[in-house]
């Protein structure tokens, strides 16, 4: 009887704690469609500020580049590579539009290895917003 009572008490106390939902992870998608270095610096600063505000482990961030913005992810963009790589290492995804790649004659080997191709940059922004992600327009 004592064993059954102890098991019941333990079961009830565990049931009460298991009903608390885990904290919701924030999700934000940022748009980048300009090739202006100041805009890129602002974008990367915003990424860091968002991570500091929410905690890097509490937020998912995706940067969607399209149009002129895909230049951010070109291997020739050595000036920003270290900052972008640091963001990637903290979990940020940098997406690149395949349509923009085609129209600008950019090959996959021209991009940093961490660039994630998506079929359409604008469609990716729409999909993320429809899935409940917050949207931020970065750049000029």
Protein backbone atom coordinates (compact mmCIF):
# COMPACT_ATOMS: atom_id res chain seq x y z
CA UNK A 1 0.00 0.00 0.00
CA UNK A 2 2.78 2.42 0.92
CA UNK A 3 4.59 1.58 -2.31
CA UNK A 4 1.43 2.24 -4.35
CA UNK A 5 0.84 5.56 -2.56
CA UNK A 6 4.45 6.64 -3.19
CA UNK A 7 4.18 5.73 -6.87
CA UNK A 8 0.90 7.64 -7.18
CA UNK A 9 2.39 10.73 -5.49
CA UNK A 10 5.47 10.59 -7.73
CA UNK A 11 3.31 10.14 -10.83
CA UNK A 12 1.13 13.13 -9.96
CA UNK A 13 4.13 15.38 -9.31
CA UNK A 14 5.73 14.40 -12.63
CA UNK A 15 2.46 14.91 -14.49
CA UNK A 16 2.23 18.47 -13.19
CA UNK A 17 5.69 19.41 -14.46
CA UNK A 18 5.37 17.71 -17.85
CA UNK A 19 2.41 19.91 -18.82
CA UNK A 20 4.52 23.06 -19.00
CA UNK A 21 5.23 23.69 -22.69
CA UNK A 22 8.78 24.50 -23.70
CA UNK A 23 9.42 28.14 -24.54
CA UNK A 24 8.52 29.03 -28.13
CA UNK A 25 11.48 29.59 -30.42
CA UNK A 26 11.31 32.91 -32.25
CA UNK A 27 11.64 32.82 -36.04
CA UNK A 28 12.65 35.71 -38.28
CA UNK A 29 13.37 35.94 -41.99
CA UNK A 30 15.38 38.88 -43.31
CA UNK A 31 15.38 40.05 -46.91
CA UNK A 32 18.56 41.22 -48.68
CA UNK A 33 18.34 42.38 -52.28
CA UNK A 34 20.98 45.10 -52.47
CA UNK A 35 24.69 44.98 -53.18
CA UNK A 36 25.55 47.97 -50.99
CA UNK A 37 28.17 47.16 -48.35
CA UNK A 38 26.59 49.49 -45.77
CA UNK A 39 23.37 47.49 -46.06
CA UNK A 40 25.30 44.27 -45.53
CA UNK A 41 26.94 45.68 -42.40
CA UNK A 42 23.54 46.77 -41.12
CA UNK A 43 22.10 43.32 -41.86
CA UNK A 44 24.85 41.52 -39.96
CA UNK A 45 24.56 44.01 -37.11
CA UNK A 46 20.81 43.34 -36.93
CA UNK A 47 21.42 39.59 -36.86
CA UNK A 48 23.75 40.02 -33.89
CA UNK A 49 21.34 42.38 -32.12
CA UNK A 50 18.45 39.94 -32.57
CA UNK A 51 20.54 37.08 -31.18
CA UNK A 52 21.59 39.20 -28.21
CA UNK A 53 18.01 40.25 -27.49
CA UNK A 54 16.48 36.76 -27.60
CA UNK A 55 19.52 34.54 -27.06
CA UNK A 56 21.06 32.77 -30.06
CA UNK A 57 19.53 29.46 -28.96
CA UNK A 58 16.03 30.94 -28.76
CA UNK A 59 15.71 32.23 -32.31
CA UNK A 60 15.87 30.86 -35.84
CA UNK A 61 17.16 33.36 -38.39
CA UNK A 62 17.17 33.02 -42.16
CA UNK A 63 18.60 35.68 -44.46
CA UNK A 64 17.15 35.43 -47.97
CA UNK A 65 19.31 36.97 -50.69
CA UNK A 66 18.01 37.63 -54.18
CA UNK A 67 18.63 40.07 -57.03
CA UNK A 68 21.73 42.17 -56.37
CA UNK A 69 21.76 40.85 -52.80
CA UNK A 70 23.23 37.48 -53.84
CA UNK A 71 26.60 39.27 -54.14
CA UNK A 72 26.74 39.03 -50.34
CA UNK A 73 27.34 35.28 -50.68
CA UNK A 74 29.92 35.32 -53.48
CA UNK A 75 33.32 33.87 -52.62
CA UNK A 76 34.82 37.08 -54.00
CA UNK A 77 33.20 38.92 -51.06
CA UNK A 78 36.12 38.23 -48.74
CA UNK A 79 35.52 41.42 -46.74
CA UNK A 80 32.33 39.95 -45.23
CA UNK A 81 33.17 36.25 -45.20
CA UNK A 82 34.33 36.10 -41.58
CA UNK A 83 31.27 37.93 -40.24
CA UNK A 84 28.90 35.79 -42.30
CA UNK A 85 30.67 32.58 -41.28
CA UNK A 86 30.37 33.59 -37.61
CA UNK A 87 26.63 34.08 -38.08
CA UNK A 88 26.34 30.71 -39.84
CA UNK A 89 28.25 29.06 -37.01
CA UNK A 90 25.65 30.47 -34.59
CA UNK A 91 22.82 28.88 -36.60
CA UNK A 92 21.85 31.58 -39.12
CA UNK A 93 20.86 30.28 -42.56
CA UNK A 94 21.87 32.31 -45.62
CA UNK A 95 19.61 31.43 -48.54
CA UNK A 96 20.37 32.35 -52.15
CA UNK A 97 17.80 32.59 -54.94
CA UNK A 98 18.41 30.19 -57.84
CA UNK A 99 16.49 32.50 -60.20
CA UNK A 100 18.88 35.34 -59.39
CA UNK A 101 21.84 33.01 -59.79
CA UNK A 102 20.64 32.07 -63.30
CA UNK A 103 19.93 35.64 -64.36
CA UNK A 104 23.33 36.82 -63.07
CA UNK A 105 25.27 33.81 -64.39
CA UNK A 106 26.37 32.79 -60.90
CA UNK A 107 27.36 29.15 -60.49
CA UNK A 108 27.14 27.23 -57.20
CA UNK A 109 30.95 27.10 -57.05
CA UNK A 110 31.01 30.94 -57.07
CA UNK A 111 29.22 30.98 -53.71
CA UNK A 112 30.41 30.33 -50.18
CA UNK A 113 29.86 26.67 -49.29
CA UNK A 114 27.39 27.63 -46.55
CA UNK A 115 24.98 29.36 -48.99
CA UNK A 116 21.68 27.46 -49.13
CA UNK A 117 20.02 27.57 -52.57
CA UNK A 118 16.25 28.14 -52.72
CA UNK A 119 14.09 28.03 -55.85
CA UNK A 120 12.94 31.65 -55.50
CA UNK A 121 13.97 34.26 -52.97
CA UNK A 122 10.61 36.00 -52.98
CA UNK A 123 8.75 32.68 -52.73
CA UNK A 124 10.97 31.74 -49.77
CA UNK A 125 9.99 34.98 -48.02
CA UNK A 126 6.32 34.24 -48.66
CA UNK A 127 6.60 30.65 -47.40
CA UNK A 128 8.32 31.77 -44.19
CA UNK A 129 5.71 34.46 -43.52
CA UNK A 130 2.88 32.02 -44.16
CA UNK A 131 4.52 29.67 -41.65
CA UNK A 132 4.43 32.43 -39.02
CA UNK A 133 7.96 33.79 -39.28
CA UNK A 134 8.47 37.51 -38.58
CA UNK A 135 9.68 39.46 -41.61
CA UNK A 136 12.36 42.17 -41.64
CA UNK A 137 13.42 44.10 -44.71
CA UNK A 138 17.15 44.72 -44.43
CA UNK A 139 19.15 47.19 -46.48
CA UNK A 140 18.44 50.48 -48.14
